[in-house]
Amino acid sequence: SYQELDLTSTLQAKIGAVTAGLKYEHY
């Protein structure tokens, strides 16, 4: 069997027409 839980947090900044983010993910 296979089970996976992914938890993610992303801090996003809207800079004009672009949204940039710093993302951390734990699987």
PDB file of all heavy atoms in Angstrom:
ATOM      1  N   SER A   1       0.827  -1.204   0.000  1.00  0.00           N
ATOM      2  CA  SER A   1       0.000   0.000   0.000  1.00  0.00           C
ATOM      3  C   SER A   1       0.865   1.258   0.000  1.00  0.00           C
ATOM      4  O   SER A   1       2.029   1.237   0.371  1.00  0.00           O
ATOM      5  CB  SER A   1      -0.927   0.006   1.206  1.00  0.00           C
ATOM      6  OG  SER A   1      -0.171   0.055   2.391  1.00  0.00           O
ATOM      7  N   TYR A   2       0.242   2.348  -0.424  1.00  0.00           N
ATOM      8  CA  TYR A   2       0.926   3.629  -0.552  1.00  0.00           C
ATOM      9  C   TYR A   2       0.045   4.698   0.060  1.00  0.00           C
ATOM     10  O   TYR A   2      -1.124   4.814  -0.286  1.00  0.00           O
ATOM     11  CB  TYR A   2       1.165   3.925  -2.034  1.00  0.00           C
ATOM     12  CG  TYR A   2       1.899   5.221  -2.280  1.00  0.00           C
ATOM     13  CD1 TYR A   2       3.276   5.243  -2.382  1.00  0.00           C
ATOM     14  CD2 TYR A   2       1.207   6.423  -2.417  1.00  0.00           C
ATOM     15  CE1 TYR A   2       3.959   6.417  -2.615  1.00  0.00           C
ATOM     16  CE2 TYR A   2       1.882   7.609  -2.647  1.00  0.00           C
ATOM     17  CZ  TYR A   2       3.258   7.591  -2.746  1.00  0.00           C
ATOM     18  OH  TYR A   2       3.929   8.762  -2.967  1.00  0.00           O
ATOM     19  N   GLN A   3       0.616   5.490   0.966  1.00  0.00           N
ATOM     20  CA  GLN A   3      -0.090   6.634   1.531  1.00  0.00           C
ATOM     21  C   GLN A   3       0.886   7.803   1.594  1.00  0.00           C
ATOM     22  O   GLN A   3       2.027   7.632   1.996  1.00  0.00           O
ATOM     23  CB  GLN A   3      -0.612   6.332   2.927  1.00  0.00           C
ATOM     24  CG  GLN A   3      -1.698   5.283   2.958  1.00  0.00           C
ATOM     25  CD  GLN A   3      -2.226   5.088   4.360  1.00  0.00           C
ATOM     26  OE1 GLN A   3      -2.488   6.053   5.073  1.00  0.00           O
ATOM     27  NE2 GLN A   3      -2.378   3.830   4.760  1.00  0.00           N
ATOM     28  N   GLU A   4       0.392   8.978   1.197  1.00  0.00           N
ATOM     29  CA  GLU A   4       1.228  10.174   1.178  1.00  0.00           C
ATOM     30  C   GLU A   4       0.417  11.367   1.663  1.00  0.00           C
ATOM     31  O   GLU A   4      -0.720  11.571   1.252  1.00  0.00           O
ATOM     32  CB  GLU A   4       1.724  10.427  -0.249  1.00  0.00           C
ATOM     33  CG  GLU A   4       2.546  11.680  -0.404  1.00  0.00           C
ATOM     34  CD  GLU A   4       2.987  11.914  -1.846  1.00  0.00           C
ATOM     35  OE1 GLU A   4       3.071  10.948  -2.633  1.00  0.00           O
ATOM     36  OE2 GLU A   4       3.232  13.086  -2.188  1.00  0.00           O
ATOM     37  N   LEU A   5       1.011  12.157   2.557  1.00  0.00           N
ATOM     38  CA  LEU A   5       0.429  13.408   3.030  1.00  0.00           C
ATOM     39  C   LEU A   5       1.427  14.514   2.723  1.00  0.00           C
ATOM     40  O   LEU A   5       2.581  14.447   3.145  1.00  0.00           O
ATOM     41  CB  LEU A   5       0.156  13.353   4.536  1.00  0.00           C
ATOM     42  CG  LEU A   5      -0.283  14.663   5.190  1.00  0.00           C
ATOM     43  CD1 LEU A   5      -1.639  15.119   4.656  1.00  0.00           C
ATOM     44  CD2 LEU A   5      -0.312  14.509   6.703  1.00  0.00           C
ATOM     45  N   ASP A   6       0.985  15.521   1.968  1.00  0.00           N
ATOM     46  CA  ASP A   6       1.830  16.664   1.633  1.00  0.00           C
ATOM     47  C   ASP A   6       1.290  17.900   2.343  1.00  0.00           C
ATOM     48  O   ASP A   6       0.107  18.217   2.215  1.00  0.00           O
ATOM     49  CB  ASP A   6       1.827  16.941   0.128  1.00  0.00           C
ATOM     50  CG  ASP A   6       2.283  15.753  -0.704  1.00  0.00           C
ATOM     51  OD1 ASP A   6       2.806  14.782  -0.130  1.00  0.00           O
ATOM     52  OD2 ASP A   6       2.115  15.807  -1.928  1.00  0.00           O
ATOM     53  N   LEU A   7       2.149  18.584   3.077  1.00  0.00           N
ATOM     54  CA  LEU A   7       1.789  19.841   3.729  1.00  0.00           C
ATOM     55  C   LEU A   7       2.669  20.939   3.143  1.00  0.00           C
ATOM     56  O   LEU A   7       3.890  20.804   3.102  1.00  0.00           O
ATOM     57  CB  LEU A   7       1.979  19.744   5.238  1.00  0.00           C
ATOM     58  CG  LEU A   7       1.144  18.666   5.933  1.00  0.00           C
ATOM     59  CD1 LEU A   7       1.469  18.629   7.423  1.00  0.00           C
ATOM     60  CD2 LEU A   7      -0.344  18.911   5.710  1.00  0.00           C
ATOM     61  N   THR A   8       2.027  22.015   2.694  1.00  0.00           N
ATOM     62  CA  THR A   8       2.725  23.073   1.973  1.00  0.00           C
ATOM     63  C   THR A   8       2.363  24.438   2.539  1.00  0.00           C
ATOM     64  O   THR A   8       1.210  24.679   2.893  1.00  0.00           O
ATOM     65  CB  THR A   8       2.299  23.050   0.473  1.00  0.00           C
ATOM     66  OG1 THR A   8       2.536  21.763  -0.044  1.00  0.00           O
ATOM     67  CG2 THR A   8       3.064  24.062  -0.329  1.00  0.00           C
ATOM     68  N   SER A   9       3.357  25.308   2.598  1.00  0.00           N
ATOM     69  CA  SER A   9       3.086  26.714   2.897  1.00  0.00           C
ATOM     70  C   SER A   9       3.854  27.560   1.888  1.00  0.00           C
ATOM     71  O   SER A   9       5.002  27.265   1.566  1.00  0.00           O
ATOM     72  CB  SER A   9       3.483  27.075   4.328  1.00  0.00           C
ATOM     73  OG  SER A   9       4.862  26.873   4.522  1.00  0.00           O
ATOM     74  N   THR A  10       3.179  28.589   1.371  1.00  0.00           N
ATOM     75  CA  THR A  10       3.789  29.477   0.385  1.00  0.00           C
ATOM     76  C   THR A  10       3.515  30.921   0.793  1.00  0.00           C
ATOM     77  O   THR A  10       2.360  31.304   0.989  1.00  0.00           O
ATOM     78  CB  THR A  10       3.202  29.232  -1.023  1.00  0.00           C
ATOM     79  OG1 THR A  10       3.297  27.845  -1.347  1.00  0.00           O
ATOM     80  CG2 THR A  10       3.939  30.053  -2.066  1.00  0.00           C
ATOM     81  N   LEU A  11       4.564  31.702   0.921  1.00  0.00           N
ATOM     82  CA  LEU A  11       4.424  33.134   1.160  1.00  0.00           C
ATOM     83  C   LEU A  11       4.505  33.804  -0.204  1.00  0.00           C
ATOM     84  O   LEU A  11       5.527  33.714  -0.895  1.00  0.00           O
ATOM     85  CB  LEU A  11       5.518  33.663   2.081  1.00  0.00           C
ATOM     86  CG  LEU A  11       5.442  35.155   2.402  1.00  0.00           C
ATOM     87  CD1 LEU A  11       4.122  35.497   3.108  1.00  0.00           C
ATOM     88  CD2 LEU A  11       6.641  35.574   3.241  1.00  0.00           C
ATOM     89  N   GLN A  12       3.401  34.445  -0.632  1.00  0.00           N
ATOM     90  CA  GLN A  12       3.310  35.040  -1.960  1.00  0.00           C
ATOM     91  C   GLN A  12       3.291  36.560  -1.862  1.00  0.00           C
ATOM     92  O   GLN A  12       2.650  37.114  -0.978  1.00  0.00           O
ATOM     93  CB  GLN A  12       2.038  34.578  -2.666  1.00  0.00           C
ATOM     94  CG  GLN A  12       1.988  33.081  -2.876  1.00  0.00           C
ATOM     95  CD  GLN A  12       0.644  32.622  -3.399  1.00  0.00           C
ATOM     96  OE1 GLN A  12      -0.389  33.023  -2.880  1.00  0.00           O
ATOM     97  NE2 GLN A  12       0.666  31.778  -4.417  1.00  0.00           N
ATOM     98  N   ALA A  13       3.996  37.193  -2.802  1.00  0.00           N
ATOM     99  CA  ALA A  13       4.026  38.658  -2.888  1.00  0.00           C
ATOM    100  C   ALA A  13       3.541  39.073  -4.264  1.00  0.00           C
ATOM    101  O   ALA A  13       4.052  38.603  -5.282  1.00  0.00           O
ATOM    102  CB  ALA A  13       5.437  39.173  -2.645  1.00  0.00           C
ATOM    103  N   LYS A  14       2.538  39.950  -4.287  1.00  0.00           N
ATOM    104  CA  LYS A  14       2.013  40.487  -5.545  1.00  0.00           C
ATOM    105  C   LYS A  14       2.826  41.726  -5.890  1.00  0.00           C
ATOM    106  O   LYS A  14       2.815  42.712  -5.165  1.00  0.00           O
ATOM    107  CB  LYS A  14       0.532  40.833  -5.393  1.00  0.00           C
ATOM    108  CG  LYS A  14      -0.092  41.395  -6.630  1.00  0.00           C
ATOM    109  CD  LYS A  14      -1.052  40.401  -7.228  1.00  0.00           C
ATOM    110  CE  LYS A  14      -1.814  41.006  -8.384  1.00  0.00           C
ATOM    111  NZ  LYS A  14      -1.313  40.588  -9.666  1.00  0.00           N
ATOM    112  N   ILE A  15       3.564  41.623  -7.015  1.00  0.00           N
ATOM    113  CA  ILE A  15       4.437  42.717  -7.442  1.00  0.00           C
ATOM    114  C   ILE A  15       4.016  43.092  -8.856  1.00  0.00           C
ATOM    115  O   ILE A  15       4.416  42.450  -9.821  1.00  0.00           O
ATOM    116  CB  ILE A  15       5.917  42.281  -7.405  1.00  0.00           C
ATOM    117  CG1 ILE A  15       6.274  41.735  -6.021  1.00  0.00           C
ATOM    118  CG2 ILE A  15       6.830  43.434  -7.806  1.00  0.00           C
ATOM    119  CD1 ILE A  15       7.536  40.925  -5.974  1.00  0.00           C
ATOM    120  N   GLY A  16       3.145  44.069  -8.976  1.00  0.00           N
ATOM    121  CA  GLY A  16       2.606  44.444 -10.275  1.00  0.00           C
ATOM    122  C   GLY A  16       1.773  43.315 -10.853  1.00  0.00           C
ATOM    123  O   GLY A  16       0.882  42.788 -10.194  1.00  0.00           O
ATOM    124  N   ALA A  17       2.093  42.902 -12.071  1.00  0.00           N
ATOM    125  CA  ALA A  17       1.333  41.845 -12.745  1.00  0.00           C
ATOM    126  C   ALA A  17       1.842  40.442 -12.405  1.00  0.00           C
ATOM    127  O   ALA A  17       1.306  39.456 -12.882  1.00  0.00           O
ATOM    128  CB  ALA A  17       1.406  42.054 -14.253  1.00  0.00           C
ATOM    129  N   VAL A  18       2.879  40.354 -11.570  1.00  0.00           N
ATOM    130  CA  VAL A  18       3.487  39.063 -11.226  1.00  0.00           C
ATOM    131  C   VAL A  18       3.283  38.769  -9.741  1.00  0.00           C
ATOM    132  O   VAL A  18       3.385  39.651  -8.900  1.00  0.00           O
ATOM    133  CB  VAL A  18       4.999  39.073 -11.553  1.00  0.00           C
ATOM    134  CG1 VAL A  18       5.678  37.803 -11.086  1.00  0.00           C
ATOM    135  CG2 VAL A  18       5.220  39.289 -13.040  1.00  0.00           C
ATOM    136  N   THR A  19       2.980  37.512  -9.456  1.00  0.00           N
ATOM    137  CA  THR A  19       2.949  37.042  -8.074  1.00  0.00           C
ATOM    138  C   THR A  19       4.113  36.071  -7.899  1.00  0.00           C
ATOM    139  O   THR A  19       4.216  35.070  -8.614  1.00  0.00           O
ATOM    140  CB  THR A  19       1.621  36.340  -7.744  1.00  0.00           C
ATOM    141  OG1 THR A  19       0.547  37.271  -7.944  1.00  0.00           O
ATOM    142  CG2 THR A  19       1.598  35.860  -6.308  1.00  0.00           C
ATOM    143  N   ALA A  20       5.007  36.392  -6.952  1.00  0.00           N
ATOM    144  CA  ALA A  20       6.165  35.549  -6.666  1.00  0.00           C
ATOM    145  C   ALA A  20       5.979  34.941  -5.285  1.00  0.00           C
ATOM    146  O   ALA A  20       5.387  35.557  -4.398  1.00  0.00           O
ATOM    147  CB  ALA A  20       7.451  36.370  -6.717  1.00  0.00           C
ATOM    148  N   GLY A  21       6.478  33.719  -5.121  1.00  0.00           N
ATOM    149  CA  GLY A  21       6.308  33.066  -3.834  1.00  0.00           C
ATOM    150  C   GLY A  21       7.513  32.257  -3.413  1.00  0.00           C
ATOM    151  O   GLY A  21       8.301  31.794  -4.240  1.00  0.00           O
ATOM    152  N   LEU A  22       7.636  32.075  -2.110  1.00  0.00           N
ATOM    153  CA  LEU A  22       8.623  31.178  -1.515  1.00  0.00           C
ATOM    154  C   LEU A  22       7.822  30.039  -0.903  1.00  0.00           C
ATOM    155  O   LEU A  22       6.962  30.273  -0.045  1.00  0.00           O
ATOM    156  CB  LEU A  22       9.447  31.899  -0.452  1.00  0.00           C
ATOM    157  CG  LEU A  22      10.526  31.062   0.224  1.00  0.00           C
ATOM    158  CD1 LEU A  22      11.568  30.588  -0.796  1.00  0.00           C
ATOM    159  CD2 LEU A  22      11.192  31.877   1.325  1.00  0.00           C
ATOM    160  N   LYS A  23       8.098  28.811  -1.351  1.00  0.00           N
ATOM    161  CA  LYS A  23       7.271  27.656  -1.005  1.00  0.00           C
ATOM    162  C   LYS A  23       8.092  26.602  -0.260  1.00  0.00           C
ATOM    163  O   LYS A  23       9.197  26.256  -0.669  1.00  0.00           O
ATOM    164  CB  LYS A  23       6.707  27.051  -2.298  1.00  0.00           C
ATOM    165  CG  LYS A  23       5.846  25.828  -2.110  1.00  0.00           C
ATOM    166  CD  LYS A  23       5.339  25.349  -3.473  1.00  0.00           C
ATOM    167  CE  LYS A  23       4.450  24.139  -3.374  1.00  0.00           C
ATOM    168  NZ  LYS A  23       3.956  23.724  -4.704  1.00  0.00           N
ATOM    169  N   TYR A  24       7.520  26.084   0.837  1.00  0.00           N
ATOM    170  CA  TYR A  24       8.114  24.945   1.551  1.00  0.00           C
ATOM    171  C   TYR A  24       7.097  23.814   1.534  1.00  0.00           C
ATOM    172  O   TYR A  24       5.911  24.025   1.801  1.00  0.00           O
ATOM    173  CB  TYR A  24       8.457  25.291   3.001  1.00  0.00           C
ATOM    174  CG  TYR A  24       8.850  24.062   3.776  1.00  0.00           C
ATOM    175  CD1 TYR A  24      10.089  23.470   3.576  1.00  0.00           C
ATOM    176  CD2 TYR A  24       7.962  23.463   4.656  1.00  0.00           C
ATOM    177  CE1 TYR A  24      10.442  22.312   4.255  1.00  0.00           C
ATOM    178  CE2 TYR A  24       8.304  22.314   5.338  1.00  0.00           C
ATOM    179  CZ  TYR A  24       9.542  21.740   5.136  1.00  0.00           C
ATOM    180  OH  TYR A  24       9.886  20.594   5.801  1.00  0.00           O
ATOM    181  N   GLU A  25       7.570  22.607   1.215  1.00  0.00           N
ATOM    182  CA  GLU A  25       6.687  21.444   1.173  1.00  0.00           C
ATOM    183  C   GLU A  25       7.336  20.284   1.908  1.00  0.00           C
ATOM    184  O   GLU A  25       8.523  20.026   1.764  1.00  0.00           O
ATOM    185  CB  GLU A  25       6.411  21.056  -0.282  1.00  0.00           C
ATOM    186  CG  GLU A  25       5.288  20.061  -0.425  1.00  0.00           C
ATOM    187  CD  GLU A  25       4.671  20.091  -1.814  1.00  0.00           C
ATOM    188  OE1 GLU A  25       5.230  20.708  -2.722  1.00  0.00           O
ATOM    189  OE2 GLU A  25       3.609  19.485  -1.984  1.00  0.00           O
ATOM    190  N   HIS A  26       6.531  19.602   2.727  1.00  0.00           N
ATOM    191  CA  HIS A  26       6.989  18.395   3.421  1.00  0.00           C
ATOM    192  C   HIS A  26       6.070  17.249   3.022  1.00  0.00           C
ATOM    193  O   HIS A  26       4.853  17.351   3.140  1.00  0.00           O
ATOM    194  CB  HIS A  26       6.969  18.576   4.938  1.00  0.00           C
ATOM    195  CG  HIS A  26       7.624  17.441   5.645  1.00  0.00           C
ATOM    196  ND1 HIS A  26       8.964  17.442   5.931  1.00  0.00           N
ATOM    197  CD2 HIS A  26       7.141  16.257   6.080  1.00  0.00           C
ATOM    198  CE1 HIS A  26       9.280  16.304   6.541  1.00  0.00           C
ATOM    199  NE2 HIS A  26       8.189  15.571   6.637  1.00  0.00           N
ATOM    200  N   TYR A  27       6.668  16.170   2.518  1.00  0.00           N
ATOM    201  CA  TYR A  27       5.926  14.978   2.111  1.00  0.00           C
ATOM    202  C   TYR A  27       6.127  13.912   3.185  1.00  0.00           C
ATOM    203  O   TYR A  27       7.258  13.544   3.493  1.00  0.00           O
ATOM    204  CB  TYR A  27       6.470  14.420   0.790  1.00  0.00           C
ATOM    205  CG  TYR A  27       6.450  15.359  -0.379  1.00  0.00           C
ATOM    206  CD1 TYR A  27       7.449  16.310  -0.564  1.00  0.00           C
ATOM    207  CD2 TYR A  27       5.447  15.269  -1.337  1.00  0.00           C
ATOM    208  CE1 TYR A  27       7.447  17.143  -1.663  1.00  0.00           C
ATOM    209  CE2 TYR A  27       5.442  16.107  -2.442  1.00  0.00           C
ATOM    210  CZ  TYR A  27       6.441  17.035  -2.592  1.00  0.00           C
ATOM    211  OH  TYR A  27       6.442  17.862  -3.682  1.00  0.00           O
TER     212      TYR A  27
END
